[in-house]
Amino acid sequence: MSRPILKVGLTGGLATGKTHVASALARLGCHVLSADQLGHEALQPQGPAYDDVVKEFGSEILDPSGLIDRRRLAAQVFDRPERLEKLNSLIHPHVIEREELWLARIAADHPGSIAVVEAAILIETGSYKRFDRIILTVCPLDMQVQRHMHRTGESEVEARARLARQMPLEAKRPYADFIIDTSRSREDTDRQVEAVYRQLQGEVL
């Protein structure tokens, strides 16, 4: 009988270093999937959510080539929780379906391995229940603001407004089996990732 895989959810707040941690886990040998990338693919013209999203939010979210402009779409749900919830309801079922197919494939092809799904709103959607372990990335709020401003060019007011609409990191902590603080150097973060990896590896050996 083949050994089961260990399913790990990787989450955190805006600009807390989720992608860096995901890359570090991949380098150590974990299988890693980005839910955000699946969401991008679902919104492509041939993607499963494209037609429903355009029907719901209108052709004004499209660029001249017919692609969904994510900035225009984001503007439609900015400060409108009910519209954001509607958007999520159109995209997330497809994302979860793809995640489950991927996990099943990893289980079949790589029994006894560690499969990590990086997802920003894993806890908010209740998807954390589908995983054996949860890793949470954290850093101070001011650092989140500065990182997001540097990455996107948004103003401090915009960045803080965006963060204010998200579930606070402190509220996510109780759901986490492992917490990685990314506020120091990348080398320090990598050391924390390696320590977490060793513990995860111990569960599948």
Protein backbone atom coordinates (compact mmCIF):
# COMPACT_ATOMS: atom_id res chain seq x y z
CA MET A 1 0.00 0.00 0.00
CA SER A 2 1.43 3.39 -1.00
CA ARG A 3 2.11 5.99 1.65
CA PRO A 4 -0.20 9.02 1.75
CA ILE A 5 1.14 12.45 0.93
CA LEU A 6 1.24 15.24 3.50
CA LYS A 7 -1.00 18.07 2.31
CA VAL A 8 0.24 21.47 3.47
CA GLY A 9 -1.49 24.82 3.09
CA LEU A 10 0.77 27.89 2.93
CA THR A 11 -0.92 31.20 3.64
CA GLY A 12 -0.36 34.65 5.11
CA GLY A 13 -1.28 38.28 4.71
CA LEU A 14 -0.46 40.67 1.90
CA ALA A 15 3.30 40.97 1.26
CA THR A 16 4.31 38.62 4.07
CA GLY A 17 6.66 36.53 1.93
CA LYS A 18 4.42 33.61 0.96
CA THR A 19 5.96 33.23 -2.49
CA HIS A 20 9.53 33.30 -1.14
CA VAL A 21 8.66 30.60 1.38
CA ALA A 22 6.94 28.56 -1.34
CA SER A 23 10.06 28.76 -3.51
CA ALA A 24 12.26 27.73 -0.59
CA LEU A 25 10.05 24.71 0.11
CA ALA A 26 10.20 23.75 -3.57
CA ARG A 27 14.01 23.91 -3.50
CA LEU A 28 13.99 21.56 -0.51
CA GLY A 29 11.94 19.01 -2.43
CA CYS A 30 8.29 19.81 -1.78
CA HIS A 31 5.77 19.82 -4.61
CA VAL A 32 4.33 23.36 -4.71
CA LEU A 33 1.25 24.81 -6.39
CA SER A 34 0.13 28.47 -6.50
CA ALA A 35 -3.61 29.01 -6.07
CA ASP A 36 -3.12 32.56 -7.34
CA GLN A 37 -1.73 31.20 -10.59
CA LEU A 38 -4.76 28.92 -10.90
CA GLY A 39 -6.97 31.98 -10.38
CA HIS A 40 -5.12 33.79 -13.19
CA GLU A 41 -5.64 30.83 -15.49
CA ALA A 42 -9.34 30.61 -14.62
CA LEU A 43 -9.77 34.21 -15.85
CA GLN A 44 -8.12 33.64 -19.23
CA PRO A 45 -10.48 33.66 -22.27
CA GLN A 46 -10.46 29.86 -22.41
CA GLY A 47 -10.56 29.57 -18.62
CA PRO A 48 -13.56 28.16 -16.74
CA ALA A 49 -14.47 31.41 -14.95
CA TYR A 50 -14.02 33.88 -17.82
CA ASP A 51 -17.56 33.91 -19.23
CA ASP A 52 -19.27 34.08 -15.83
CA VAL A 53 -17.01 36.89 -14.60
CA VAL A 54 -17.50 38.98 -17.76
CA LYS A 55 -21.25 38.41 -17.59
CA GLU A 56 -21.34 39.49 -13.93
CA PHE A 57 -18.99 42.48 -14.09
CA GLY A 58 -19.48 43.70 -17.65
CA SER A 59 -17.33 44.26 -20.70
CA GLU A 60 -15.71 47.31 -19.09
CA ILE A 61 -13.34 44.94 -17.26
CA LEU A 62 -11.89 43.83 -20.62
CA ASP A 63 -8.87 45.31 -22.34
CA PRO A 64 -8.92 45.97 -26.12
CA SER A 65 -7.75 42.41 -26.86
CA GLY A 66 -10.58 40.85 -24.85
CA LEU A 67 -8.50 39.84 -21.85
CA ILE A 68 -9.76 40.55 -18.34
CA ASP A 69 -7.83 43.54 -16.99
CA ARG A 70 -7.21 42.57 -13.36
CA ARG A 71 -6.83 46.21 -12.30
CA ARG A 72 -10.23 47.09 -13.75
CA LEU A 73 -11.74 44.03 -12.13
CA ALA A 74 -10.12 44.92 -8.81
CA ALA A 75 -11.60 48.42 -9.05
CA GLN A 76 -15.07 46.87 -9.34
CA VAL A 77 -14.71 45.06 -6.01
CA PHE A 78 -12.67 47.69 -4.14
CA ASP A 79 -14.45 48.52 -0.85
CA ARG A 80 -17.45 46.45 -1.97
CA PRO A 81 -17.38 43.24 0.10
CA GLU A 82 -20.50 41.81 -1.53
CA ARG A 83 -18.99 42.19 -5.00
CA LEU A 84 -15.70 40.64 -3.87
CA GLU A 85 -17.63 37.73 -2.39
CA LYS A 86 -19.45 37.29 -5.69
CA LEU A 87 -16.18 37.33 -7.63
CA ASN A 88 -14.66 34.77 -5.29
CA SER A 89 -17.71 32.53 -5.69
CA LEU A 90 -17.15 32.51 -9.45
CA ILE A 91 -13.43 31.73 -9.30
CA HIS A 92 -12.77 29.64 -6.20
CA PRO A 93 -14.72 26.49 -7.11
CA HIS A 94 -12.57 26.15 -10.22
CA VAL A 95 -9.39 26.80 -8.25
CA ILE A 96 -10.30 24.21 -5.63
CA GLU A 97 -11.16 21.66 -8.31
CA ARG A 98 -7.75 22.17 -9.93
CA GLU A 99 -6.02 21.94 -6.54
CA GLU A 100 -7.73 18.64 -5.77
CA LEU A 101 -6.79 17.20 -9.16
CA TRP A 102 -3.19 18.26 -8.60
CA LEU A 103 -3.12 16.76 -5.09
CA ALA A 104 -4.53 13.51 -6.43
CA ARG A 105 -1.86 13.41 -9.13
CA ILE A 106 0.92 14.05 -6.60
CA ALA A 107 -0.50 11.30 -4.37
CA ALA A 108 -0.49 8.86 -7.29
CA ASP A 109 2.90 9.78 -8.75
CA HIS A 110 4.84 10.71 -5.59
CA PRO A 111 3.46 8.78 -2.58
CA GLY A 112 4.92 9.79 0.75
CA SER A 113 5.86 13.27 -0.46
CA ILE A 114 4.95 16.76 0.75
CA ALA A 115 2.48 18.75 -1.38
CA VAL A 116 2.17 22.47 -0.65
CA VAL A 117 -0.60 24.74 -1.91
CA GLU A 118 0.15 28.47 -1.57
CA ALA A 119 -3.13 30.36 -1.16
CA ALA A 120 -3.73 33.87 0.20
CA ILE A 121 -7.25 33.32 1.58
CA LEU A 122 -6.97 29.72 2.70
CA ILE A 123 -8.36 30.46 6.16
CA GLU A 124 -11.04 32.95 5.14
CA THR A 125 -12.63 30.48 2.71
CA GLY A 126 -12.45 27.52 5.06
CA SER A 127 -10.11 25.70 2.67
CA TYR A 128 -7.60 25.18 5.49
CA LYS A 129 -9.74 22.21 6.57
CA ARG A 130 -8.60 20.32 3.46
CA PHE A 131 -4.96 20.26 4.59
CA ASP A 132 -2.99 18.27 7.14
CA ARG A 133 -0.78 21.18 8.18
CA ILE A 134 -0.94 24.96 7.81
CA ILE A 135 2.07 27.28 7.49
CA LEU A 136 1.48 31.00 8.12
CA THR A 137 3.90 33.71 6.99
CA VAL A 138 3.94 36.89 9.10
CA CYS A 139 5.70 40.23 9.39
CA PRO A 140 4.84 43.59 11.03
CA LEU A 141 2.05 45.64 9.48
CA ASP A 142 4.33 48.56 8.59
CA MET A 143 6.61 46.15 6.73
CA GLN A 144 3.63 44.75 4.82
CA VAL A 145 2.73 48.30 3.79
CA GLN A 146 6.26 49.15 2.64
CA ARG A 147 6.70 45.88 0.73
CA HIS A 148 3.35 46.27 -1.01
CA MET A 149 4.09 49.89 -1.95
CA HIS A 150 7.49 48.89 -3.35
CA ARG A 151 6.00 45.99 -5.31
CA THR A 152 2.95 47.72 -6.77
CA GLY A 153 3.60 51.45 -6.69
CA GLU A 154 0.44 52.04 -4.65
CA SER A 155 0.41 54.87 -2.12
CA GLU A 156 0.63 54.25 1.62
CA VAL A 157 -3.04 55.19 1.98
CA GLU A 158 -4.03 52.66 -0.69
CA ALA A 159 -1.84 49.95 0.82
CA ARG A 160 -3.21 50.47 4.33
CA ALA A 161 -6.78 50.50 3.00
CA ARG A 162 -6.14 47.22 1.22
CA LEU A 163 -4.71 45.65 4.37
CA ALA A 164 -7.59 46.94 6.47
CA ARG A 165 -9.99 44.86 4.37
CA GLN A 166 -8.07 41.65 5.02
CA MET A 167 -8.27 39.22 7.90
CA PRO A 168 -5.66 40.36 10.46
CA LEU A 169 -2.60 38.15 10.83
CA GLU A 170 -3.26 37.81 14.55
CA ALA A 171 -6.63 36.26 13.76
CA LYS A 172 -4.94 33.72 11.47
CA ARG A 173 -2.35 32.56 14.00
CA PRO A 174 -4.63 30.08 15.83
CA TYR A 175 -5.12 28.15 12.59
CA ALA A 176 -1.40 27.69 11.94
CA ASP A 177 0.73 24.69 12.80
CA PHE A 178 3.88 26.59 11.83
CA ILE A 179 4.54 30.35 11.77
CA ILE A 180 7.40 31.79 9.72
CA ASP A 181 8.45 35.37 10.51
CA THR A 182 9.81 36.97 7.34
CA SER A 183 10.68 40.33 8.90
CA ARG A 184 14.42 39.71 9.08
CA SER A 185 16.85 38.60 6.38
CA ARG A 186 16.09 36.11 3.63
CA GLU A 187 18.72 33.86 5.14
CA ASP A 188 16.86 33.90 8.45
CA THR A 189 13.59 33.11 6.67
CA ASP A 190 15.26 30.24 4.83
CA ARG A 191 16.55 28.81 8.12
CA GLN A 192 13.00 28.86 9.49
CA VAL A 193 11.71 27.18 6.33
CA GLU A 194 14.34 24.46 6.62
CA ALA A 195 13.34 23.81 10.25
CA VAL A 196 9.68 23.52 9.26
CA TYR A 197 10.59 21.27 6.34
CA ARG A 198 12.49 18.90 8.64
CA GLN A 199 9.42 18.59 10.86
CA LEU A 200 7.14 17.99 7.87
CA GLN A 201 9.56 15.45 6.47
CA GLY A 202 9.51 13.62 9.79
CA GLU A 203 5.76 13.14 9.38
CA VAL A 204 6.03 11.37 6.03
CA LEU A 205 9.12 9.23 6.62
